PDB file of N, CA and C in Angstrom:
ATOM      1  N   MET A   1      34.363 -12.322   3.549  1.00  0.00           N
ATOM      2  CA  MET A   1      33.326 -11.326   3.683  1.00  0.00           C
ATOM      3  C   MET A   1      32.607 -11.549   5.007  1.00  0.00           C
ATOM      4  N   ILE A   2      32.330 -10.474   5.715  1.00  0.00           N
ATOM      5  CA  ILE A   2      31.625 -10.568   6.986  1.00  0.00           C
ATOM      6  C   ILE A   2      30.239  -9.958   6.812  1.00  0.00           C
ATOM      7  N   ARG A   3      29.239 -10.710   7.200  1.00  0.00           N
ATOM      8  CA  ARG A   3      27.853 -10.252   7.103  1.00  0.00           C
ATOM      9  C   ARG A   3      27.267 -10.320   8.507  1.00  0.00           C
ATOM     10  N   GLY A   4      27.204  -9.154   9.207  1.00  0.00           N
ATOM     11  CA  GLY A   4      26.732  -9.165  10.587  1.00  0.00           C
ATOM     12  C   GLY A   4      27.675 -10.003  11.416  1.00  0.00           C
ATOM     13  N   GLN A   5      27.153 -10.996  12.060  1.00  0.00           N
ATOM     14  CA  GLN A   5      27.977 -11.904  12.863  1.00  0.00           C
ATOM     15  C   GLN A   5      28.411 -13.136  12.068  1.00  0.00           C
ATOM     16  N   GLN A   6      28.105 -13.155  10.799  1.00  0.00           N
ATOM     17  CA  GLN A   6      28.466 -14.289   9.948  1.00  0.00           C
ATOM     18  C   GLN A   6      29.711 -13.963   9.128  1.00  0.00           C
ATOM     19  N   ARG A   7      30.476 -14.999   8.830  1.00  0.00           N
ATOM     20  CA  ARG A   7      31.626 -14.865   7.949  1.00  0.00           C
ATOM     21  C   ARG A   7      31.434 -15.810   6.770  1.00  0.00           C
ATOM     22  N   GLN A   8      31.847 -15.363   5.612  1.00  0.00           N
ATOM     23  CA  GLN A   8      31.765 -16.196   4.413  1.00  0.00           C
ATOM     24  C   GLN A   8      33.166 -16.399   3.853  1.00  0.00           C
ATOM     25  N   TYR A   9      33.445 -17.636   3.489  1.00  0.00           N
ATOM     26  CA  TYR A   9      34.729 -17.997   2.907  1.00  0.00           C
ATOM     27  C   TYR A   9      34.478 -18.690   1.573  1.00  0.00           C
ATOM     28  N   TYR A  10      35.172 -18.243   0.554  1.00  0.00           N
ATOM     29  CA  TYR A  10      35.041 -18.824  -0.784  1.00  0.00           C
ATOM     30  C   TYR A  10      36.266 -19.672  -1.090  1.00  0.00           C
ATOM     31  N   PHE A  11      36.027 -20.809  -1.740  1.00  0.00           N
ATOM     32  CA  PHE A  11      37.125 -21.710  -2.114  1.00  0.00           C
ATOM     33  C   PHE A  11      36.681 -22.568  -3.282  1.00  0.00           C
ATOM     34  N   ARG A  12      37.636 -23.213  -3.901  1.00  0.00           N
ATOM     35  CA  ARG A  12      37.364 -24.121  -5.028  1.00  0.00           C
ATOM     36  C   ARG A  12      37.706 -25.552  -4.619  1.00  0.00           C
ATOM     37  N   LEU A  13      36.921 -26.482  -5.163  1.00  0.00           N
ATOM     38  CA  LEU A  13      37.157 -27.912  -4.945  1.00  0.00           C
ATOM     39  C   LEU A  13      37.048 -28.651  -6.265  1.00  0.00           C
ATOM     40  N   ASN A  14      37.825 -29.706  -6.360  1.00  0.00           N
ATOM     41  CA  ASN A  14      37.722 -30.612  -7.501  1.00  0.00           C
ATOM     42  C   ASN A  14      38.006 -32.016  -6.969  1.00  0.00           C
ATOM     43  N   ILE A  15      36.966 -32.660  -6.465  1.00  0.00           N
ATOM     44  CA  ILE A  15      37.084 -34.016  -5.915  1.00  0.00           C
ATOM     45  C   ILE A  15      36.307 -34.953  -6.823  1.00  0.00           C
ATOM     46  N   PRO A  16      37.009 -35.816  -7.571  1.00  0.00           N
ATOM     47  CA  PRO A  16      36.304 -36.771  -8.441  1.00  0.00           C
ATOM     48  C   PRO A  16      35.381 -37.679  -7.619  1.00  0.00           C
ATOM     49  N   GLN A  17      34.347 -38.174  -8.259  1.00  0.00           N
ATOM     50  CA  GLN A  17      33.352 -38.995  -7.562  1.00  0.00           C
ATOM     51  C   GLN A  17      33.979 -40.199  -6.864  1.00  0.00           C
ATOM     52  N   ASP A  18      34.900 -40.893  -7.513  1.00  0.00           N
ATOM     53  CA  ASP A  18      35.486 -42.079  -6.898  1.00  0.00           C
ATOM     54  C   ASP A  18      36.295 -41.732  -5.651  1.00  0.00           C
ATOM     55  N   ARG A  19      36.948 -40.595  -5.655  1.00  0.00           N
ATOM     56  CA  ARG A  19      37.692 -40.169  -4.473  1.00  0.00           C
ATOM     57  C   ARG A  19      36.740 -39.721  -3.363  1.00  0.00           C
ATOM     58  N   PHE A  20      35.643 -39.077  -3.745  1.00  0.00           N
ATOM     59  CA  PHE A  20      34.684 -38.615  -2.749  1.00  0.00           C
ATOM     60  C   PHE A  20      34.045 -39.781  -2.005  1.00  0.00           C
ATOM     61  N   LEU A  21      33.984 -40.943  -2.623  1.00  0.00           N
ATOM     62  CA  LEU A  21      33.383 -42.106  -1.961  1.00  0.00           C
ATOM     63  C   LEU A  21      34.063 -42.417  -0.634  1.00  0.00           C
ATOM     64  N   ARG A  22      35.364 -42.108  -0.485  1.00  0.00           N
ATOM     65  CA  ARG A  22      36.054 -42.310   0.797  1.00  0.00           C
ATOM     66  C   ARG A  22      35.412 -41.444   1.881  1.00  0.00           C
ATOM     67  N   TYR A  23      35.079 -40.209   1.520  1.00  0.00           N
ATOM     68  CA  TYR A  23      34.414 -39.324   2.474  1.00  0.00           C
ATOM     69  C   TYR A  23      33.006 -39.829   2.756  1.00  0.00           C
ATOM     70  N   TYR A  24      32.331 -40.244   1.701  1.00  0.00           N
ATOM     71  CA  TYR A  24      30.950 -40.686   1.821  1.00  0.00           C
ATOM     72  C   TYR A  24      30.842 -41.923   2.710  1.00  0.00           C
ATOM     73  N   ARG A  25      31.802 -42.813   2.599  1.00  0.00           N
ATOM     74  CA  ARG A  25      31.798 -44.050   3.386  1.00  0.00           C
ATOM     75  C   ARG A  25      32.312 -43.844   4.796  1.00  0.00           C
ATOM     76  N   GLY A  26      32.884 -42.678   5.061  1.00  0.00           N
ATOM     77  CA  GLY A  26      33.329 -42.372   6.414  1.00  0.00           C
ATOM     78  C   GLY A  26      34.783 -42.670   6.706  1.00  0.00           C
ATOM     79  N   SER A  27      35.555 -43.140   5.716  1.00  0.00           N
ATOM     80  CA  SER A  27      36.968 -43.422   5.994  1.00  0.00           C
ATOM     81  C   SER A  27      37.791 -42.140   6.083  1.00  0.00           C
ATOM     82  N   ALA A  28      37.263 -41.062   5.574  1.00  0.00           N
ATOM     83  CA  ALA A  28      37.856 -39.731   5.758  1.00  0.00           C
ATOM     84  C   ALA A  28      36.725 -38.856   6.275  1.00  0.00           C
ATOM     85  N   ASN A  29      36.919 -38.228   7.425  1.00  0.00           N
ATOM     86  CA  ASN A  29      35.786 -37.521   8.000  1.00  0.00           C
ATOM     87  C   ASN A  29      35.847 -36.004   7.950  1.00  0.00           C
ATOM     88  N   SER A  30      36.941 -35.428   7.458  1.00  0.00           N
ATOM     89  CA  SER A  30      36.965 -33.973   7.329  1.00  0.00           C
ATOM     90  C   SER A  30      37.661 -33.565   6.033  1.00  0.00           C
ATOM     91  N   VAL A  31      37.359 -32.355   5.624  1.00  0.00           N
ATOM     92  CA  VAL A  31      37.946 -31.781   4.417  1.00  0.00           C
ATOM     93  C   VAL A  31      38.652 -30.506   4.838  1.00  0.00           C
ATOM     94  N   GLN A  32      39.861 -30.330   4.341  1.00  0.00           N
ATOM     95  CA  GLN A  32      40.591 -29.102   4.621  1.00  0.00           C
ATOM     96  C   GLN A  32      40.865 -28.397   3.303  1.00  0.00           C
ATOM     97  N   VAL A  33      40.559 -27.101   3.255  1.00  0.00           N
ATOM     98  CA  VAL A  33      40.743 -26.292   2.054  1.00  0.00           C
ATOM     99  C   VAL A  33      41.412 -24.976   2.446  1.00  0.00           C
ATOM    100  N   ILE A  34      41.931 -24.285   1.456  1.00  0.00           N
ATOM    101  CA  ILE A  34      42.449 -22.937   1.635  1.00  0.00           C
ATOM    102  C   ILE A  34      41.480 -21.996   0.929  1.00  0.00           C
ATOM    103  N   SER A  35      40.953 -21.036   1.664  1.00  0.00           N
ATOM    104  CA  SER A  35      40.003 -20.095   1.080  1.00  0.00           C
ATOM    105  C   SER A  35      40.720 -19.145   0.138  1.00  0.00           C
ATOM    106  N   GLU A  36      39.944 -18.428  -0.650  1.00  0.00           N
ATOM    107  CA  GLU A  36      40.512 -17.465  -1.590  1.00  0.00           C
ATOM    108  C   GLU A  36      41.261 -16.345  -0.876  1.00  0.00           C
ATOM    109  N   CYS A  37      40.948 -16.110   0.394  1.00  0.00           N
ATOM    110  CA  CYS A  37      41.665 -15.078   1.160  1.00  0.00           C
ATOM    111  C   CYS A  37      42.871 -15.652   1.898  1.00  0.00           C
ATOM    112  N   GLY A  38      43.143 -16.961   1.694  1.00  0.00           N
ATOM    113  CA  GLY A  38      44.331 -17.595   2.268  1.00  0.00           C
ATOM    114  C   GLY A  38      44.130 -18.268   3.610  1.00  0.00           C
ATOM    115  N   LYS A  39      42.917 -18.297   4.122  1.00  0.00           N
ATOM    116  CA  LYS A  39      42.638 -18.921   5.412  1.00  0.00           C
ATOM    117  C   LYS A  39      42.421 -20.418   5.243  1.00  0.00           C
ATOM    118  N   SER A  40      43.029 -21.194   6.122  1.00  0.00           N
ATOM    119  CA  SER A  40      42.846 -22.642   6.121  1.00  0.00           C
ATOM    120  C   SER A  40      41.532 -22.969   6.832  1.00  0.00           C
ATOM    121  N   LEU A  41      40.695 -23.775   6.182  1.00  0.00           N
ATOM    122  CA  LEU A  41      39.384 -24.135   6.721  1.00  0.00           C
ATOM    123  C   LEU A  41      39.274 -25.653   6.795  1.00  0.00           C
ATOM    124  N   ARG A  42      38.644 -26.129   7.837  1.00  0.00           N
ATOM    125  CA  ARG A  42      38.376 -27.561   7.966  1.00  0.00           C
ATOM    126  C   ARG A  42      36.924 -27.720   8.387  1.00  0.00           C
ATOM    127  N   PHE A  43      36.232 -28.659   7.714  1.00  0.00           N
ATOM    128  CA  PHE A  43      34.833 -28.906   8.042  1.00  0.00           C
ATOM    129  C   PHE A  43      34.524 -30.375   7.789  1.00  0.00           C
ATOM    130  N   PRO A  44      33.437 -30.884   8.380  1.00  0.00           N
ATOM    131  CA  PRO A  44      33.069 -32.292   8.201  1.00  0.00           C
ATOM    132  C   PRO A  44      32.766 -32.612   6.730  1.00  0.00           C
ATOM    133  N   ALA A  45      33.288 -33.707   6.258  1.00  0.00           N
ATOM    134  CA  ALA A  45      33.070 -34.118   4.871  1.00  0.00           C
ATOM    135  C   ALA A  45      31.597 -34.351   4.576  1.00  0.00           C
ATOM    136  N   THR A  46      30.823 -34.679   5.581  1.00  0.00           N
ATOM    137  CA  THR A  46      29.391 -34.911   5.368  1.00  0.00           C
ATOM    138  C   THR A  46      28.686 -33.669   4.834  1.00  0.00           C
ATOM    139  N   ARG A  47      29.263 -32.495   5.061  1.00  0.00           N
ATOM    140  CA  ARG A  47      28.661 -31.250   4.558  1.00  0.00           C
ATOM    141  C   ARG A  47      28.712 -31.165   3.039  1.00  0.00           C
ATOM    142  N   LEU A  48      29.554 -31.974   2.411  1.00  0.00           N
ATOM    143  CA  LEU A  48      29.677 -31.964   0.953  1.00  0.00           C
ATOM    144  C   LEU A  48      28.673 -32.883   0.260  1.00  0.00           C
ATOM    145  N   ARG A  49      28.063 -33.772   0.989  1.00  0.00           N
ATOM    146  CA  ARG A  49      27.154 -34.757   0.371  1.00  0.00           C
ATOM    147  C   ARG A  49      26.078 -34.135  -0.507  1.00  0.00           C
ATOM    148  N   PRO A  50      25.416 -33.049  -0.078  1.00  0.00           N
ATOM    149  CA  PRO A  50      24.374 -32.457  -0.942  1.00  0.00           C
ATOM    150  C   PRO A  50      24.931 -31.852  -2.230  1.00  0.00           C
ATOM    151  N   LEU A  51      26.231 -31.641  -2.292  1.00  0.00           N
ATOM    152  CA  LEU A  51      26.857 -31.007  -3.452  1.00  0.00           C
ATOM    153  C   LEU A  51      27.444 -32.016  -4.427  1.00  0.00           C
ATOM    154  N   LEU A  52      27.342 -33.297  -4.100  1.00  0.00           N
ATOM    155  CA  LEU A  52      27.898 -34.356  -4.946  1.00  0.00           C
ATOM    156  C   LEU A  52      27.085 -34.518  -6.220  1.00  0.00           C
ATOM    157  N   THR A  53      27.774 -34.537  -7.355  1.00  0.00           N
ATOM    158  CA  THR A  53      27.145 -34.793  -8.653  1.00  0.00           C
ATOM    159  C   THR A  53      27.779 -36.040  -9.251  1.00  0.00           C
ATOM    160  N   GLN A  54      27.368 -36.402 -10.447  1.00  0.00           N
ATOM    161  CA  GLN A  54      27.958 -37.561 -11.116  1.00  0.00           C
ATOM    162  C   GLN A  54      29.438 -37.338 -11.432  1.00  0.00           C
ATOM    163  N   HIS A  55      29.875 -36.097 -11.402  1.00  0.00           N
ATOM    164  CA  HIS A  55      31.274 -35.759 -11.672  1.00  0.00           C
ATOM    165  C   HIS A  55      32.084 -35.584 -10.399  1.00  0.00           C
ATOM    166  N   GLY A  56      31.463 -35.705  -9.256  1.00  0.00           N
ATOM    167  CA  GLY A  56      32.128 -35.489  -7.982  1.00  0.00           C
ATOM    168  C   GLY A  56      31.689 -34.165  -7.384  1.00  0.00           C
ATOM    169  N   VAL A  57      32.590 -33.538  -6.655  1.00  0.00           N
ATOM    170  CA  VAL A  57      32.324 -32.223  -6.076  1.00  0.00           C
ATOM    171  C   VAL A  57      33.304 -31.267  -6.736  1.00  0.00           C
ATOM    172  N   ARG A  58      32.790 -30.428  -7.607  1.00  0.00           N
ATOM    173  CA  ARG A  58      33.644 -29.524  -8.381  1.00  0.00           C
ATOM    174  C   ARG A  58      33.038 -28.139  -8.436  1.00  0.00           C
ATOM    175  N   GLY A  59      33.892 -27.147  -8.330  1.00  0.00           N
ATOM    176  CA  GLY A  59      33.435 -25.781  -8.501  1.00  0.00           C
ATOM    177  C   GLY A  59      33.892 -24.867  -7.388  1.00  0.00           C
ATOM    178  N   ARG A  60      33.263 -23.720  -7.349  1.00  0.00           N
ATOM    179  CA  ARG A  60      33.545 -22.700  -6.342  1.00  0.00           C
ATOM    180  C   ARG A  60      32.411 -22.743  -5.323  1.00  0.00           C
ATOM    181  N   PHE A  61      32.776 -22.686  -4.047  1.00  0.00           N
ATOM    182  CA  PHE A  61      31.812 -22.840  -2.975  1.00  0.00           C
ATOM    183  C   PHE A  61      31.959 -21.724  -1.952  1.00  0.00           C
ATOM    184  N   CYS A  62      30.896 -21.511  -1.187  1.00  0.00           N
ATOM    185  CA  CYS A  62      30.885 -20.515  -0.126  1.00  0.00           C
ATOM    186  C   CYS A  62      30.503 -21.204   1.185  1.00  0.00           C
ATOM    187  N   LEU A  63      31.407 -21.132   2.150  1.00  0.00           N
ATOM    188  CA  LEU A  63      31.162 -21.654   3.491  1.00  0.00           C
ATOM    189  C   LEU A  63      30.806 -20.473   4.382  1.00  0.00           C
ATOM    190  N   THR A  64      29.661 -20.545   5.043  1.00  0.00           N
ATOM    191  CA  THR A  64      29.230 -19.498   5.950  1.00  0.00           C
ATOM    192  C   THR A  64      29.260 -20.045   7.369  1.00  0.00           C
ATOM    193  N   VAL A  65      29.897 -19.292   8.268  1.00  0.00           N
ATOM    194  CA  VAL A  65      29.993 -19.672   9.679  1.00  0.00           C
ATOM    195  C   VAL A  65      29.528 -18.501  10.540  1.00  0.00           C
ATOM    196  N   ASP A  66      29.199 -18.795  11.796  1.00  0.00           N
ATOM    197  CA  ASP A  66      28.781 -17.733  12.706  1.00  0.00           C
ATOM    198  C   ASP A  66      30.008 -17.122  13.394  1.00  0.00           C
ATOM    199  N   ALA A  67      29.783 -16.241  14.344  1.00  0.00           N
ATOM    200  CA  ALA A  67      30.865 -15.548  15.043  1.00  0.00           C
ATOM    201  C   ALA A  67      31.765 -16.514  15.818  1.00  0.00           C
ATOM    202  N   ASN A  68      31.245 -17.693  16.156  1.00  0.00           N
ATOM    203  CA  ASN A  68      32.016 -18.717  16.869  1.00  0.00           C
ATOM    204  C   ASN A  68      32.579 -19.772  15.926  1.00  0.00           C
ATOM    205  N   ASN A  69      32.568 -19.472  14.623  1.00  0.00           N
ATOM    206  CA  ASN A  69      33.052 -20.385  13.573  1.00  0.00           C
ATOM    207  C   ASN A  69      32.252 -21.681  13.495  1.00  0.00           C
ATOM    208  N   ARG A  70      30.995 -21.632  13.879  1.00  0.00           N
ATOM    209  CA  ARG A  70      30.116 -22.801  13.744  1.00  0.00           C
ATOM    210  C   ARG A  70      29.447 -22.759  12.378  1.00  0.00           C
ATOM    211  N   PHE A  71      29.333 -23.919  11.792  1.00  0.00           N
ATOM    212  CA  PHE A  71      28.759 -24.070  10.461  1.00  0.00           C
ATOM    213  C   PHE A  71      27.356 -23.497  10.384  1.00  0.00           C
ATOM    214  N   ILE A  72      27.124 -22.722   9.310  1.00  0.00           N
ATOM    215  CA  ILE A  72      25.773 -22.257   8.984  1.00  0.00           C
ATOM    216  C   ILE A  72      25.339 -22.871   7.676  1.00  0.00           C
ATOM    217  N   SER A  73      26.181 -22.729   6.624  1.00  0.00           N
ATOM    218  CA  SER A  73      25.807 -23.299   5.335  1.00  0.00           C
ATOM    219  C   SER A  73      27.031 -23.486   4.452  1.00  0.00           C
ATOM    220  N   LEU A  74      26.855 -24.331   3.462  1.00  0.00           N
ATOM    221  CA  LEU A  74      27.847 -24.546   2.418  1.00  0.00           C
ATOM    222  C   LEU A  74      27.065 -24.666   1.120  1.00  0.00           C
ATOM    223  N   GLN A  75      27.384 -23.803   0.187  1.00  0.00           N
ATOM    224  CA  GLN A  75      26.650 -23.829  -1.078  1.00  0.00           C
ATOM    225  C   GLN A  75      27.547 -23.482  -2.243  1.00  0.00           C
ATOM    226  N   ALA A  76      27.094 -23.879  -3.421  1.00  0.00           N
ATOM    227  CA  ALA A  76      27.812 -23.528  -4.648  1.00  0.00           C
ATOM    228  C   ALA A  76      27.757 -22.024  -4.827  1.00  0.00           C
ATOM    229  N   ALA A  77      28.854 -21.452  -5.309  1.00  0.00           N
ATOM    230  CA  ALA A  77      28.939 -20.012  -5.539  1.00  0.00           C
ATOM    231  C   ALA A  77      29.239 -19.763  -7.008  1.00  0.00           C
ATOM    232  N   ASP A  78      28.926 -18.593  -7.472  1.00  0.00           N
ATOM    233  CA  ASP A  78      29.223 -18.225  -8.869  1.00  0.00           C
ATOM    234  C   ASP A  78      30.676 -17.874  -9.046  1.00  0.00           C
TER     235      ASP A  78
END
């Protein structure tokens, strides 16, 4: 979805907490996902830290970027 100069990409993740610790500790520094529209996306793993729960990072998410594909936000989506 394009909103003005922003683009939104929806995707699902299921990263158990113990596996996410590799990202949290810095041994893995990026996450690559395939959006629901089929686009491959890569972003810094640190962007997932606010979304970490006791179960890990699970659910459907929305990544918003600007016209230059720079990060704007990452949040849980319905």
